[in-house]
All heavy atoms as atom14 arrays in JSON, in Angstrom:
{
  "sequence": "DRLKDRPDGKLILVTAINPTPAGEGKTTTTVGL",
  "atom14_mask": [
    [1, 1, 1, 1, 1, 1, 1, 1, 0, 0, 0, 0, 0, 0],
    [1, 1, 1, 1, 1, 1, 1, 1, 1, 1, 1, 0, 0, 0],
    [1, 1, 1, 1, 1, 1, 1, 1, 0, 0, 0, 0, 0, 0],
    [1, 1, 1, 1, 1, 1, 1, 1, 1, 0, 0, 0, 0, 0],
    [1, 1, 1, 1, 1, 1, 1, 1, 0, 0, 0, 0, 0, 0],
    [1, 1, 1, 1, 1, 1, 1, 1, 1, 1, 1, 0, 0, 0],
    [1, 1, 1, 1, 1, 1, 1, 0, 0, 0, 0, 0, 0, 0],
    [1, 1, 1, 1, 1, 1, 1, 1, 0, 0, 0, 0, 0, 0],
    [1, 1, 1, 1, 0, 0, 0, 0, 0, 0, 0, 0, 0, 0],
    [1, 1, 1, 1, 1, 1, 1, 1, 1, 0, 0, 0, 0, 0],
    [1, 1, 1, 1, 1, 1, 1, 1, 0, 0, 0, 0, 0, 0],
    [1, 1, 1, 1, 1, 1, 1, 1, 0, 0, 0, 0, 0, 0],
    [1, 1, 1, 1, 1, 1, 1, 1, 0, 0, 0, 0, 0, 0],
    [1, 1, 1, 1, 1, 1, 1, 0, 0, 0, 0, 0, 0, 0],
    [1, 1, 1, 1, 1, 1, 1, 0, 0, 0, 0, 0, 0, 0],
    [1, 1, 1, 1, 1, 0, 0, 0, 0, 0, 0, 0, 0, 0],
    [1, 1, 1, 1, 1, 1, 1, 1, 0, 0, 0, 0, 0, 0],
    [1, 1, 1, 1, 1, 1, 1, 1, 0, 0, 0, 0, 0, 0],
    [1, 1, 1, 1, 1, 1, 1, 0, 0, 0, 0, 0, 0, 0],
    [1, 1, 1, 1, 1, 1, 1, 0, 0, 0, 0, 0, 0, 0],
    [1, 1, 1, 1, 1, 1, 1, 0, 0, 0, 0, 0, 0, 0],
    [1, 1, 1, 1, 1, 0, 0, 0, 0, 0, 0, 0, 0, 0],
    [1, 1, 1, 1, 0, 0, 0, 0, 0, 0, 0, 0, 0, 0],
    [1, 1, 1, 1, 1, 1, 1, 1, 1, 0, 0, 0, 0, 0],
    [1, 1, 1, 1, 0, 0, 0, 0, 0, 0, 0, 0, 0, 0],
    [1, 1, 1, 1, 1, 1, 1, 1, 1, 0, 0, 0, 0, 0],
    [1, 1, 1, 1, 1, 1, 1, 0, 0, 0, 0, 0, 0, 0],
    [1, 1, 1, 1, 1, 1, 1, 0, 0, 0, 0, 0, 0, 0],
    [1, 1, 1, 1, 1, 1, 1, 0, 0, 0, 0, 0, 0, 0],
    [1, 1, 1, 1, 1, 1, 1, 0, 0, 0, 0, 0, 0, 0],
    [1, 1, 1, 1, 1, 1, 1, 0, 0, 0, 0, 0, 0, 0],
    [1, 1, 1, 1, 0, 0, 0, 0, 0, 0, 0, 0, 0, 0],
    [1, 1, 1, 1, 1, 1, 1, 1, 0, 0, 0, 0, 0, 0]
  ],
  "atom14_positions": [
    [[0.86, -1.24, -0.05], [-0.05, 0.0, -0.07], [0.87, 1.3, -0.02], [0.53, 2.26, -0.59], [-0.95, -0.07, 1.27], [-1.94, 1.14, 1.21], [-2.72, 1.34, 0.21], [-1.98, 1.99, 2.04], [0.0, 0.0, 0.0], [0.0, 0.0, 0.0], [0.0, 0.0, 0.0], [0.0, 0.0, 0.0], [0.0, 0.0, 0.0], [0.0, 0.0, 0.0]],
    [[2.05, 1.2, 0.65], [2.92, 2.37, 0.58], [3.65, 2.54, -0.64], [4.29, 3.7, -0.82], [4.04, 2.14, 1.82], [3.39, 2.04, 3.19], [4.42, 2.29, 4.36], [5.42, 1.14, 4.34], [5.26, 0.09, 5.0], [4.21, -0.15, 5.69], [6.17, -0.89, 4.96], [0.0, 0.0, 0.0], [0.0, 0.0, 0.0], [0.0, 0.0, 0.0]],
    [[3.53, 1.76, -1.65], [4.22, 1.94, -2.94], [3.34, 2.68, -3.98], [3.84, 3.09, -5.02], [4.52, 0.55, -3.53], [5.4, -0.43, -2.67], [5.57, -1.66, -3.29], [6.86, 0.26, -2.5], [0.0, 0.0, 0.0], [0.0, 0.0, 0.0], [0.0, 0.0, 0.0], [0.0, 0.0, 0.0], [0.0, 0.0, 0.0], [0.0, 0.0, 0.0]],
    [[2.04, 3.05, -3.74], [1.17, 3.39, -4.68], [1.56, 4.68, -5.45], [1.19, 4.93, -6.57], [-0.21, 3.67, -4.08], [-0.33, 4.6, -2.95], [-1.74, 4.53, -2.29], [-1.78, 5.46, -1.08], [-3.12, 5.35, -0.5], [0.0, 0.0, 0.0], [0.0, 0.0, 0.0], [0.0, 0.0, 0.0], [0.0, 0.0, 0.0], [0.0, 0.0, 0.0]],
    [[2.31, 5.52, -4.81], [2.73, 6.83, -5.51], [4.06, 6.77, -6.21], [4.49, 7.68, -6.83], [2.89, 7.94, -4.41], [1.45, 8.3, -3.84], [0.45, 8.13, -4.51], [1.41, 8.7, -2.59], [0.0, 0.0, 0.0], [0.0, 0.0, 0.0], [0.0, 0.0, 0.0], [0.0, 0.0, 0.0], [0.0, 0.0, 0.0], [0.0, 0.0, 0.0]],
    [[4.64, 5.53, -6.23], [5.94, 5.46, -6.91], [5.52, 5.31, -8.43], [4.63, 4.71, -8.9], [6.78, 4.15, -6.48], [7.22, 4.23, -5.17], [8.24, 3.05, -4.88], [8.76, 3.14, -3.52], [9.69, 2.2, -3.17], [10.09, 1.28, -4.03], [10.0, 2.24, -1.84], [0.0, 0.0, 0.0], [0.0, 0.0, 0.0], [0.0, 0.0, 0.0]],
    [[6.59, 5.67, -9.29], [6.3, 5.52, -10.81], [6.48, 3.93, -11.14], [7.17, 3.28, -10.44], [7.48, 6.26, -11.46], [8.53, 6.32, -10.34], [7.73, 6.33, -9.06], [0.0, 0.0, 0.0], [0.0, 0.0, 0.0], [0.0, 0.0, 0.0], [0.0, 0.0, 0.0], [0.0, 0.0, 0.0], [0.0, 0.0, 0.0], [0.0, 0.0, 0.0]],
    [[6.02, 3.5, -12.28], [6.02, 2.22, -12.74], [7.22, 1.93, -13.51], [7.68, 2.92, -14.34], [4.75, 1.83, -13.5], [3.56, 1.72, -12.59], [3.67, 1.48, -11.36], [2.4, 1.76, -13.12], [0.0, 0.0, 0.0], [0.0, 0.0, 0.0], [0.0, 0.0, 0.0], [0.0, 0.0, 0.0], [0.0, 0.0, 0.0], [0.0, 0.0, 0.0]],
    [[7.7, 0.79, -13.57], [8.75, 0.32, -14.45], [8.07, -0.12, -15.85], [6.89, 0.06, -16.08], [0.0, 0.0, 0.0], [0.0, 0.0, 0.0], [0.0, 0.0, 0.0], [0.0, 0.0, 0.0], [0.0, 0.0, 0.0], [0.0, 0.0, 0.0], [0.0, 0.0, 0.0], [0.0, 0.0, 0.0], [0.0, 0.0, 0.0], [0.0, 0.0, 0.0]],
    [[8.88, -0.75, -16.68], [8.59, -1.28, -17.95], [8.06, -2.68, -17.73], [8.69, -3.49, -17.21], [9.57, -1.15, -18.95], [10.18, 0.23, -19.19], [9.27, 1.0, -20.15], [10.02, 2.28, -20.48], [9.18, 3.1, -21.4], [0.0, 0.0, 0.0], [0.0, 0.0, 0.0], [0.0, 0.0, 0.0], [0.0, 0.0, 0.0], [0.0, 0.0, 0.0]],
    [[6.88, -3.03, -18.5], [6.28, -4.39, -18.37], [6.67, -5.16, -19.56], [6.23, -4.68, -20.76], [4.81, -4.22, -18.14], [3.95, -5.56, -18.03], [4.49, -6.38, -16.87], [2.45, -5.26, -17.77], [0.0, 0.0, 0.0], [0.0, 0.0, 0.0], [0.0, 0.0, 0.0], [0.0, 0.0, 0.0], [0.0, 0.0, 0.0], [0.0, 0.0, 0.0]],
    [[7.27, -6.28, -19.53], [7.67, -7.13, -20.72], [6.84, -8.43, -20.55], [6.93, -9.14, -19.5], [9.19, -7.46, -20.54], [10.04, -6.07, -20.4], [9.55, -8.1, -21.87], [9.79, -5.1, -21.41], [0.0, 0.0, 0.0], [0.0, 0.0, 0.0], [0.0, 0.0, 0.0], [0.0, 0.0, 0.0], [0.0, 0.0, 0.0], [0.0, 0.0, 0.0]],
    [[6.21, -8.76, -21.55], [5.39, -10.14, -21.64], [6.24, -11.03, -22.37], [6.78, -10.8, -23.41], [4.01, -9.86, -22.47], [3.32, -11.07, -22.61], [2.81, -11.71, -21.32], [2.11, -10.85, -23.56], [0.0, 0.0, 0.0], [0.0, 0.0, 0.0], [0.0, 0.0, 0.0], [0.0, 0.0, 0.0], [0.0, 0.0, 0.0], [0.0, 0.0, 0.0]],
    [[6.28, -12.3, -21.76], [6.81, -13.46, -22.52], [5.73, -14.37, -22.85], [4.94, -14.95, -22.07], [7.91, -14.08, -21.76], [8.53, -15.43, -22.47], [9.08, -13.24, -21.19], [0.0, 0.0, 0.0], [0.0, 0.0, 0.0], [0.0, 0.0, 0.0], [0.0, 0.0, 0.0], [0.0, 0.0, 0.0], [0.0, 0.0, 0.0], [0.0, 0.0, 0.0]],
    [[5.62, -14.69, -24.16], [4.59, -15.66, -24.67], [5.25, -16.64, -25.58], [6.52, -16.73, -25.61], [3.42, -14.93, -25.17], [2.32, -15.77, -25.73], [3.82, -14.12, -26.59], [0.0, 0.0, 0.0], [0.0, 0.0, 0.0], [0.0, 0.0, 0.0], [0.0, 0.0, 0.0], [0.0, 0.0, 0.0], [0.0, 0.0, 0.0], [0.0, 0.0, 0.0]],
    [[4.54, -17.37, -26.39], [5.07, -18.41, -27.19], [4.21, -18.83, -28.37], [3.14, -18.42, -28.5], [5.31, -19.76, -26.24], [0.0, 0.0, 0.0], [0.0, 0.0, 0.0], [0.0, 0.0, 0.0], [0.0, 0.0, 0.0], [0.0, 0.0, 0.0], [0.0, 0.0, 0.0], [0.0, 0.0, 0.0], [0.0, 0.0, 0.0], [0.0, 0.0, 0.0]],
    [[4.8, -19.51, -29.27], [4.17, -20.14, -30.46], [3.36, -21.35, -29.89], [3.45, -21.65, -28.58], [5.07, -20.59, -31.51], [6.01, -21.73, -31.04], [5.89, -19.43, -32.06], [6.81, -22.36, -32.14], [0.0, 0.0, 0.0], [0.0, 0.0, 0.0], [0.0, 0.0, 0.0], [0.0, 0.0, 0.0], [0.0, 0.0, 0.0], [0.0, 0.0, 0.0]],
    [[2.49, -21.94, -30.73], [1.79, -23.07, -30.11], [2.72, -24.2, -29.77], [3.61, -24.54, -30.62], [0.78, -23.61, -31.23], [-0.4, -22.68, -31.44], [-0.41, -21.94, -32.51], [-1.29, -22.65, -30.53], [0.0, 0.0, 0.0], [0.0, 0.0, 0.0], [0.0, 0.0, 0.0], [0.0, 0.0, 0.0], [0.0, 0.0, 0.0], [0.0, 0.0, 0.0]],
    [[2.66, -24.66, -28.53], [3.67, -25.61, -27.97], [3.37, -27.08, -28.41], [2.36, -27.47, -28.89], [3.39, -25.51, -26.54], [1.86, -25.16, -26.35], [1.49, -24.45, -27.64], [0.0, 0.0, 0.0], [0.0, 0.0, 0.0], [0.0, 0.0, 0.0], [0.0, 0.0, 0.0], [0.0, 0.0, 0.0], [0.0, 0.0, 0.0], [0.0, 0.0, 0.0]],
    [[4.43, -27.94, -28.22], [4.33, -29.2, -28.17], [3.8, -29.73, -26.78], [3.82, -28.92, -25.9], [5.69, -29.94, -28.5], [6.57, -29.59, -27.44], [6.27, -29.5, -29.79], [0.0, 0.0, 0.0], [0.0, 0.0, 0.0], [0.0, 0.0, 0.0], [0.0, 0.0, 0.0], [0.0, 0.0, 0.0], [0.0, 0.0, 0.0], [0.0, 0.0, 0.0]],
    [[3.45, -30.98, -26.58], [2.94, -31.41, -25.29], [3.93, -31.16, -24.14], [3.51, -31.03, -23.05], [2.67, -32.91, -25.44], [2.29, -33.05, -26.93], [3.18, -32.06, -27.55], [0.0, 0.0, 0.0], [0.0, 0.0, 0.0], [0.0, 0.0, 0.0], [0.0, 0.0, 0.0], [0.0, 0.0, 0.0], [0.0, 0.0, 0.0], [0.0, 0.0, 0.0]],
    [[5.24, -31.1, -24.42], [6.19, -30.93, -23.37], [6.45, -29.53, -22.99], [7.2, -29.2, -22.07], [7.56, -31.63, -23.8], [0.0, 0.0, 0.0], [0.0, 0.0, 0.0], [0.0, 0.0, 0.0], [0.0, 0.0, 0.0], [0.0, 0.0, 0.0], [0.0, 0.0, 0.0], [0.0, 0.0, 0.0], [0.0, 0.0, 0.0], [0.0, 0.0, 0.0]],
    [[5.87, -28.6, -23.8], [6.09, -27.17, -23.54], [7.4, -26.65, -24.17], [8.36, -27.55, -24.48], [0.0, 0.0, 0.0], [0.0, 0.0, 0.0], [0.0, 0.0, 0.0], [0.0, 0.0, 0.0], [0.0, 0.0, 0.0], [0.0, 0.0, 0.0], [0.0, 0.0, 0.0], [0.0, 0.0, 0.0], [0.0, 0.0, 0.0], [0.0, 0.0, 0.0]],
    [[7.54, -25.47, -24.44], [8.71, -24.83, -25.19], [9.67, -23.95, -24.33], [10.47, -23.31, -24.92], [8.19, -24.1, -26.35], [7.29, -24.85, -27.27], [7.78, -26.32, -27.62], [8.96, -26.47, -27.98], [6.97, -27.18, -27.35], [0.0, 0.0, 0.0], [0.0, 0.0, 0.0], [0.0, 0.0, 0.0], [0.0, 0.0, 0.0], [0.0, 0.0, 0.0]],
    [[9.5, -24.04, -22.92], [10.39, -23.33, -22.19], [10.04, -21.82, -22.1], [10.95, -20.94, -21.86], [0.0, 0.0, 0.0], [0.0, 0.0, 0.0], [0.0, 0.0, 0.0], [0.0, 0.0, 0.0], [0.0, 0.0, 0.0], [0.0, 0.0, 0.0], [0.0, 0.0, 0.0], [0.0, 0.0, 0.0], [0.0, 0.0, 0.0], [0.0, 0.0, 0.0]],
    [[8.72, -21.4, -21.99], [8.27, -20.12, -21.77], [8.74, -19.55, -20.41], [9.16, -18.48, -20.27], [6.87, -19.91, -22.0], [6.22, -18.73, -21.94], [4.94, -18.51, -22.47], [4.02, -19.68, -22.07], [3.97, -20.07, -20.67], [0.0, 0.0, 0.0], [0.0, 0.0, 0.0], [0.0, 0.0, 0.0], [0.0, 0.0, 0.0], [0.0, 0.0, 0.0]],
    [[8.47, -20.37, -19.39], [8.76, -19.98, -18.07], [10.23, -19.92, -18.0], [10.9, -19.01, -17.31], [8.18, -20.9, -17.03], [6.75, -20.94, -17.14], [8.53, -20.37, -15.54], [0.0, 0.0, 0.0], [0.0, 0.0, 0.0], [0.0, 0.0, 0.0], [0.0, 0.0, 0.0], [0.0, 0.0, 0.0], [0.0, 0.0, 0.0], [0.0, 0.0, 0.0]],
    [[10.97, -20.79, -18.51], [12.57, -20.82, -18.47], [13.04, -19.59, -19.09], [14.02, -18.94, -18.6], [12.94, -22.08, -19.28], [12.47, -23.19, -18.6], [14.6, -22.19, -19.15], [0.0, 0.0, 0.0], [0.0, 0.0, 0.0], [0.0, 0.0, 0.0], [0.0, 0.0, 0.0], [0.0, 0.0, 0.0], [0.0, 0.0, 0.0], [0.0, 0.0, 0.0]],
    [[12.39, -19.19, -20.19], [12.88, -17.9, -20.9], [12.48, -16.8, -19.99], [13.25, -15.83, -19.99], [12.22, -17.81, -22.35], [12.52, -18.99, -22.98], [12.69, -16.65, -22.97], [0.0, 0.0, 0.0], [0.0, 0.0, 0.0], [0.0, 0.0, 0.0], [0.0, 0.0, 0.0], [0.0, 0.0, 0.0], [0.0, 0.0, 0.0], [0.0, 0.0, 0.0]],
    [[11.41, -16.66, -19.36], [10.99, -15.55, -18.54], [12.03, -15.44, -17.36], [12.5, -14.25, -17.1], [9.59, -15.83, -17.84], [8.61, -15.95, -18.9], [9.21, -14.7, -16.94], [0.0, 0.0, 0.0], [0.0, 0.0, 0.0], [0.0, 0.0, 0.0], [0.0, 0.0, 0.0], [0.0, 0.0, 0.0], [0.0, 0.0, 0.0], [0.0, 0.0, 0.0]],
    [[12.43, -16.61, -16.77], [13.38, -16.48, -15.71], [14.73, -16.07, -16.2], [15.46, -15.2, -15.63], [13.44, -17.89, -14.93], [14.53, -17.82, -13.95], [12.14, -18.15, -14.32], [0.0, 0.0, 0.0], [0.0, 0.0, 0.0], [0.0, 0.0, 0.0], [0.0, 0.0, 0.0], [0.0, 0.0, 0.0], [0.0, 0.0, 0.0], [0.0, 0.0, 0.0]],
    [[15.15, -16.66, -17.31], [16.37, -16.38, -17.89], [16.58, -14.87, -18.37], [17.57, -14.27, -18.07], [0.0, 0.0, 0.0], [0.0, 0.0, 0.0], [0.0, 0.0, 0.0], [0.0, 0.0, 0.0], [0.0, 0.0, 0.0], [0.0, 0.0, 0.0], [0.0, 0.0, 0.0], [0.0, 0.0, 0.0], [0.0, 0.0, 0.0], [0.0, 0.0, 0.0]],
    [[15.4, -14.29, -18.89], [15.49, -12.98, -19.32], [15.6, -12.09, -18.22], [16.38, -11.02, -18.18], [14.22, -12.64, -20.1], [14.09, -11.17, -20.63], [15.34, -10.64, -21.46], [12.78, -10.9, -21.35], [0.0, 0.0, 0.0], [0.0, 0.0, 0.0], [0.0, 0.0, 0.0], [0.0, 0.0, 0.0], [0.0, 0.0, 0.0], [0.0, 0.0, 0.0]]
  ]
}
């Protein structure tokens, strides 16, 4: 609640192409980035 007047940073979205059943590492890329 004490943060509400601070400016915002930049928001980066990580998404993916249609995956195979095993997944393509979207979360891995999010963490890596």
